[in-house]
Amino acid sequence: MSALVSQAEKAARFQALHRRPEAFVVPNPWDAGSACILASLGFEALATTSGGLAVTLGLHDGTVRREQALAHVVQVAAATNLPVTADLENGYGDAPESVAETLRLSAEAGVVGGSIKDAAGDGARRIYDLSHAIERIQAAVAVARSLPIPFVLTARAENFLRGRPDLDDTIRRLQAFEAAGADALYAPNLPDLASIRLVCSAVTKPVNVIVGAPGQCFPVAELAEAGVRRISLRPVLLRVAIKAMVRAAKDIRTHGSFAFVEHSLSFSDLSRLMASARQT
């Protein structure tokens, strides 16, 4: 096993990825084991997923408490030598002070980046006024700049995820977050490559795009051509794994069949994947 990589080294790696001209994919593990497996498969960085964590805890997305999210961050960040950025929801509080505290605690937990969204709860009515959203990002930036590591702060504009498909307002928000000091920008659920291209051309900081929604699984090459720098997956890989489990369980209940075992990963193969997680 290779030596442990320090948080400062991970942070430098993560910053370097954002400076490369080509796009990179940041998959979303849902626990330490899935983080190890993804690291062993050659990915260069990882991102936590609030939705994936909620499933592992038997909760609905958006109901995970900050202390639960931070405990999860500690486990994932310590599992591999890869840089990890955290889905920090809305900072677990409306006030800028809550955002600042969440960012500080997440850095202490071992991650080298984190995203803060401009909304709380469900629906368009919970999107923060722009002035308040800017204050929240400014508070996060102040903490990020005070840290002993280069922390990549990603600011999220939630319009398209919350039933308010206003591209002009989304761009206006991302530009404001960039001006406030965010290191990367993110607008979930942009509907097409034309919208993605407009967003990327309207800002100068790296743009993250998620894939996984129906009709929005654009190939890496096309996203890169549109100007995207970072690509994340939501809890898509968890959904794939759970679908396979449900199918197997239904075969048992309905047909009394265990044929699926022939297509499962052996424990020896799984152990090899886990053991190689720190070789990156």
Protein backbone atom coordinates (compact mmCIF):
# COMPACT_ATOMS: atom_id res chain seq x y z
CA MET A 1 0.00 0.00 0.00
CA SER A 2 1.31 3.44 -0.88
CA ALA A 3 1.83 6.14 1.73
CA LEU A 4 -1.13 8.22 2.78
CA VAL A 5 -1.51 11.44 0.84
CA SER A 6 -1.92 14.58 2.95
CA GLN A 7 -4.96 16.80 2.70
CA ALA A 8 -2.74 19.56 1.30
CA GLU A 9 -1.52 17.24 -1.46
CA LYS A 10 -5.09 16.22 -2.26
CA ALA A 11 -6.10 19.88 -2.42
CA ALA A 12 -3.28 20.65 -4.84
CA ARG A 13 -4.33 17.73 -7.03
CA PHE A 14 -7.94 18.89 -7.07
CA GLN A 15 -6.99 22.43 -8.02
CA ALA A 16 -4.76 21.12 -10.80
CA LEU A 17 -7.64 19.10 -12.24
CA HIS A 18 -9.69 22.29 -12.56
CA ARG A 19 -6.85 24.01 -14.39
CA ARG A 20 -6.50 21.32 -17.05
CA PRO A 21 -8.00 22.10 -20.44
CA GLU A 22 -9.86 18.78 -20.65
CA ALA A 23 -12.94 17.77 -18.68
CA PHE A 24 -12.72 15.24 -15.84
CA VAL A 25 -15.37 13.03 -14.27
CA VAL A 26 -15.98 13.05 -10.51
CA PRO A 27 -18.14 10.02 -9.59
CA ASN A 28 -20.20 10.01 -6.42
CA PRO A 29 -19.57 7.19 -3.92
CA TRP A 30 -22.16 6.62 -1.22
CA ASP A 31 -19.86 5.13 1.42
CA ALA A 32 -16.21 4.33 2.11
CA GLY A 33 -16.35 1.01 0.28
CA SER A 34 -17.74 2.45 -2.94
CA ALA A 35 -15.14 5.23 -2.68
CA CYS A 36 -12.39 2.60 -2.55
CA ILE A 37 -13.79 0.78 -5.57
CA LEU A 38 -14.07 3.96 -7.65
CA ALA A 39 -10.52 4.96 -6.69
CA SER A 40 -9.24 1.56 -7.78
CA LEU A 41 -10.87 2.01 -11.19
CA GLY A 42 -8.73 5.02 -12.01
CA PHE A 43 -10.86 8.07 -11.27
CA GLU A 44 -8.93 11.15 -10.20
CA ALA A 45 -11.32 12.66 -7.65
CA LEU A 46 -14.57 11.86 -5.87
CA ALA A 47 -17.63 13.78 -4.71
CA THR A 48 -20.05 12.89 -1.94
CA THR A 49 -23.75 12.81 -2.73
CA SER A 50 -26.37 13.99 -0.27
CA GLY A 51 -29.03 11.92 -2.02
CA GLY A 52 -26.90 8.79 -1.91
CA LEU A 53 -26.11 9.32 1.76
CA ALA A 54 -29.81 9.74 2.54
CA VAL A 55 -30.56 6.36 0.94
CA THR A 56 -27.85 4.60 2.96
CA LEU A 57 -29.37 6.07 6.14
CA GLY A 58 -32.93 5.16 5.16
CA LEU A 59 -33.91 8.81 4.89
CA HIS A 60 -35.43 11.06 2.24
CA ASP A 61 -33.09 13.35 0.34
CA GLY A 62 -32.86 16.72 2.06
CA THR A 63 -33.48 15.37 5.57
CA VAL A 64 -29.89 14.42 6.49
CA ARG A 65 -28.55 16.46 9.41
CA ARG A 66 -25.22 18.26 9.29
CA GLU A 67 -23.60 15.97 11.85
CA GLN A 68 -24.62 12.94 9.78
CA ALA A 69 -23.22 14.49 6.61
CA LEU A 70 -19.94 15.37 8.31
CA ALA A 71 -19.52 11.85 9.72
CA HIS A 72 -20.02 10.56 6.18
CA VAL A 73 -17.46 13.05 4.82
CA VAL A 74 -14.86 11.82 7.32
CA GLN A 75 -15.31 8.21 6.19
CA VAL A 76 -15.21 8.91 2.45
CA ALA A 77 -12.30 11.35 2.62
CA ALA A 78 -10.22 8.90 4.67
CA ALA A 79 -10.98 5.89 2.47
CA THR A 80 -8.64 6.73 -0.42
CA ASN A 81 -5.81 8.99 -1.50
CA LEU A 82 -8.09 10.80 -3.94
CA PRO A 83 -9.29 14.37 -3.45
CA VAL A 84 -12.89 14.50 -2.24
CA THR A 85 -15.32 17.37 -2.64
CA ALA A 86 -18.47 17.41 -0.52
CA ASP A 87 -22.10 18.04 -1.33
CA LEU A 88 -22.84 20.47 1.50
CA GLU A 89 -26.46 21.15 0.52
CA ASN A 90 -27.35 24.75 1.46
CA GLY A 91 -24.75 24.78 4.22
CA TYR A 92 -27.33 23.31 6.63
CA GLY A 93 -28.79 26.69 7.45
CA ASP A 94 -30.14 29.83 5.81
CA ALA A 95 -27.78 32.27 7.50
CA PRO A 96 -24.33 33.06 6.07
CA GLU A 97 -22.89 32.11 9.46
CA SER A 98 -24.28 28.59 9.11
CA VAL A 99 -22.69 28.25 5.69
CA ALA A 100 -19.34 29.45 7.03
CA GLU A 101 -19.43 26.99 9.94
CA THR A 102 -20.37 24.07 7.68
CA LEU A 103 -17.52 24.85 5.32
CA ARG A 104 -15.02 25.05 8.17
CA LEU A 105 -16.21 21.75 9.63
CA SER A 106 -16.11 20.02 6.25
CA ALA A 107 -12.50 21.05 5.72
CA GLU A 108 -11.66 19.72 9.19
CA ALA A 109 -13.35 16.47 8.15
CA GLY A 110 -10.84 16.01 5.35
CA VAL A 111 -12.40 17.20 2.09
CA VAL A 112 -10.69 19.65 -0.26
CA GLY A 113 -13.78 21.18 -1.81
CA GLY A 114 -17.48 21.65 -1.27
CA SER A 115 -20.61 22.93 -2.98
CA ILE A 116 -23.18 25.34 -1.57
CA LYS A 117 -26.56 25.78 -3.23
CA ASP A 118 -28.74 28.87 -3.35
CA ALA A 119 -31.91 27.21 -2.08
CA ALA A 120 -33.37 25.31 0.86
CA GLY A 121 -36.23 22.86 1.03
CA ASP A 122 -38.32 22.03 -2.03
CA GLY A 123 -39.70 24.17 -4.81
CA ALA A 124 -38.87 27.45 -6.49
CA ARG A 125 -40.19 29.50 -3.58
CA ARG A 126 -37.25 28.33 -1.46
CA ILE A 127 -34.62 29.78 -3.79
CA TYR A 128 -32.88 32.57 -1.91
CA ASP A 129 -33.06 36.16 -3.08
CA LEU A 130 -29.92 36.93 -5.04
CA SER A 131 -28.55 39.39 -2.49
CA HIS A 132 -28.88 36.81 0.30
CA ALA A 133 -27.44 34.07 -1.90
CA ILE A 134 -24.40 36.26 -2.59
CA GLU A 135 -23.89 36.94 1.12
CA ARG A 136 -23.89 33.21 1.77
CA ILE A 137 -21.23 32.57 -0.88
CA GLN A 138 -19.16 35.47 0.41
CA ALA A 139 -19.23 33.91 3.89
CA ALA A 140 -18.12 30.57 2.45
CA VAL A 141 -15.34 32.23 0.46
CA ALA A 142 -14.04 33.98 3.57
CA VAL A 143 -13.66 30.64 5.34
CA ALA A 144 -12.19 28.90 2.29
CA ARG A 145 -9.51 31.57 1.96
CA SER A 146 -8.62 31.31 5.65
CA LEU A 147 -7.88 27.58 5.46
CA PRO A 148 -4.31 26.21 5.33
CA ILE A 149 -5.18 24.33 2.13
CA PRO A 150 -6.49 25.58 -1.24
CA PHE A 151 -10.17 24.70 -0.87
CA VAL A 152 -12.30 24.59 -4.07
CA LEU A 153 -15.64 26.24 -3.32
CA THR A 154 -18.41 25.47 -5.80
CA ALA A 155 -21.50 27.70 -5.92
CA ARG A 156 -24.74 26.18 -7.17
CA ALA A 157 -27.68 27.91 -8.85
CA GLU A 158 -30.75 25.69 -8.38
CA ASN A 159 -33.32 27.23 -10.75
CA PHE A 160 -33.63 24.34 -13.19
CA LEU A 161 -33.71 21.75 -10.42
CA ARG A 162 -36.63 23.50 -8.71
CA GLY A 163 -39.09 24.20 -11.47
CA ARG A 164 -37.83 27.66 -12.38
CA PRO A 165 -36.19 27.19 -15.81
CA ASP A 166 -34.91 30.74 -16.13
CA LEU A 167 -31.58 30.60 -17.94
CA ASP A 168 -30.96 34.35 -17.77
CA ASP A 169 -31.42 34.39 -14.00
CA THR A 170 -29.27 31.28 -13.65
CA ILE A 171 -26.44 32.94 -15.55
CA ARG A 172 -26.89 36.14 -13.55
CA ARG A 173 -26.59 34.16 -10.32
CA LEU A 174 -23.53 32.23 -11.44
CA GLN A 175 -21.83 35.44 -12.53
CA ALA A 176 -22.61 36.97 -9.13
CA PHE A 177 -21.22 33.92 -7.34
CA GLU A 178 -18.07 34.11 -9.45
CA ALA A 179 -17.68 37.78 -8.55
CA ALA A 180 -18.15 36.82 -4.87
CA GLY A 181 -15.12 34.53 -5.13
CA ALA A 182 -16.45 31.03 -5.90
CA ASP A 183 -13.84 28.76 -7.49
CA ALA A 184 -16.25 26.66 -9.56
CA LEU A 185 -19.87 27.03 -10.68
CA TYR A 186 -22.73 24.62 -11.01
CA ALA A 187 -26.30 24.78 -12.34
CA PRO A 188 -27.97 21.36 -12.00
CA ASN A 189 -30.41 20.13 -14.65
CA LEU A 190 -29.53 22.43 -17.53
CA PRO A 191 -31.75 20.94 -20.23
CA ASP A 192 -29.49 20.78 -23.28
CA LEU A 193 -26.02 21.35 -24.64
CA ALA A 194 -26.98 24.78 -25.95
CA SER A 195 -27.85 25.94 -22.42
CA ILE A 196 -24.68 24.39 -21.04
CA ARG A 197 -22.63 26.13 -23.71
CA LEU A 198 -24.22 29.49 -22.87
CA VAL A 199 -23.49 29.07 -19.16
CA CYS A 200 -19.87 28.08 -19.78
CA SER A 201 -19.31 31.04 -22.10
CA ALA A 202 -20.88 33.49 -19.61
CA VAL A 203 -18.39 32.80 -16.79
CA THR A 204 -14.65 32.37 -16.50
CA LYS A 205 -14.50 29.87 -13.61
CA PRO A 206 -14.74 26.09 -14.21
CA VAL A 207 -18.27 24.80 -14.65
CA ASN A 208 -19.54 21.51 -13.20
CA VAL A 209 -22.37 19.66 -14.94
CA ILE A 210 -24.26 16.65 -13.64
CA VAL A 211 -25.41 13.72 -15.76
CA GLY A 212 -27.99 11.14 -14.79
CA ALA A 213 -31.33 12.79 -15.50
CA PRO A 214 -33.29 11.36 -18.48
CA GLY A 215 -32.27 13.12 -21.67
CA GLN A 216 -29.28 14.78 -20.02
CA CYS A 217 -26.64 12.05 -20.22
CA PHE A 218 -24.41 13.83 -22.71
CA PRO A 219 -21.08 12.14 -23.56
CA VAL A 220 -17.93 13.50 -21.95
CA ALA A 221 -16.56 14.67 -25.30
CA GLU A 222 -19.67 16.73 -26.06
CA LEU A 223 -19.70 18.30 -22.59
CA ALA A 224 -16.02 19.16 -22.90
CA GLU A 225 -16.62 20.74 -26.31
CA ALA A 226 -19.37 22.86 -24.72
CA GLY A 227 -16.86 24.19 -22.19
CA VAL A 228 -17.57 21.97 -19.17
CA ARG A 229 -14.58 21.29 -16.93
CA ARG A 230 -16.02 18.92 -14.29
CA ILE A 231 -18.71 16.24 -14.61
CA SER A 232 -20.47 14.60 -11.67
CA LEU A 233 -23.07 11.85 -11.55
CA ARG A 234 -25.54 12.44 -8.71
CA PRO A 235 -26.26 9.11 -6.92
CA VAL A 236 -26.57 7.38 -10.32
CA LEU A 237 -24.11 4.60 -9.51
CA LEU A 238 -26.00 3.85 -6.30
CA ARG A 239 -29.24 3.68 -8.28
CA VAL A 240 -27.62 1.22 -10.68
CA ALA A 241 -26.44 -0.95 -7.78
CA ILE A 242 -29.84 -0.89 -6.06
CA LYS A 243 -31.63 -1.77 -9.29
CA ALA A 244 -29.42 -4.85 -9.62
CA MET A 245 -30.17 -5.79 -6.00
CA VAL A 246 -33.93 -5.34 -6.49
CA ARG A 247 -33.87 -7.45 -9.65
CA ALA A 248 -31.99 -10.23 -7.85
CA ALA A 249 -34.29 -10.09 -4.83
CA LYS A 250 -37.36 -10.30 -7.09
CA ASP A 251 -35.88 -13.35 -8.81
CA ILE A 252 -35.59 -15.02 -5.41
CA ARG A 253 -39.11 -14.09 -4.30
CA THR A 254 -40.85 -14.72 -7.61
CA HIS A 255 -38.94 -17.60 -9.16
CA GLY A 256 -36.90 -19.07 -6.33
CA SER A 257 -33.88 -18.52 -8.55
CA PHE A 258 -30.31 -17.67 -7.57
CA ALA A 259 -28.96 -17.54 -11.13
CA PHE A 260 -27.88 -13.93 -10.58
CA VAL A 261 -25.03 -15.16 -8.37
CA GLU A 262 -23.16 -16.22 -11.53
CA HIS A 263 -22.94 -12.55 -12.54
CA SER A 264 -21.96 -11.14 -9.16
CA LEU A 265 -18.52 -9.88 -8.18
CA SER A 266 -16.49 -12.42 -6.25
CA PHE A 267 -15.20 -11.49 -2.82
CA SER A 268 -11.63 -12.04 -4.01
CA ASP A 269 -12.15 -9.54 -6.83
CA LEU A 270 -13.83 -7.15 -4.43
CA SER A 271 -10.93 -7.45 -2.00
CA ARG A 272 -8.45 -6.69 -4.77
CA LEU A 273 -10.36 -3.57 -5.71
CA MET A 274 -10.50 -2.40 -2.11
CA ALA A 275 -6.81 -3.11 -1.54
CA SER A 276 -5.72 -1.03 -4.51
CA ALA A 277 -7.64 2.09 -3.44
CA ARG A 278 -4.57 3.81 -1.99
CA GLN A 279 -2.33 3.06 -4.94
CA THR A 280 -3.43 6.25 -6.69
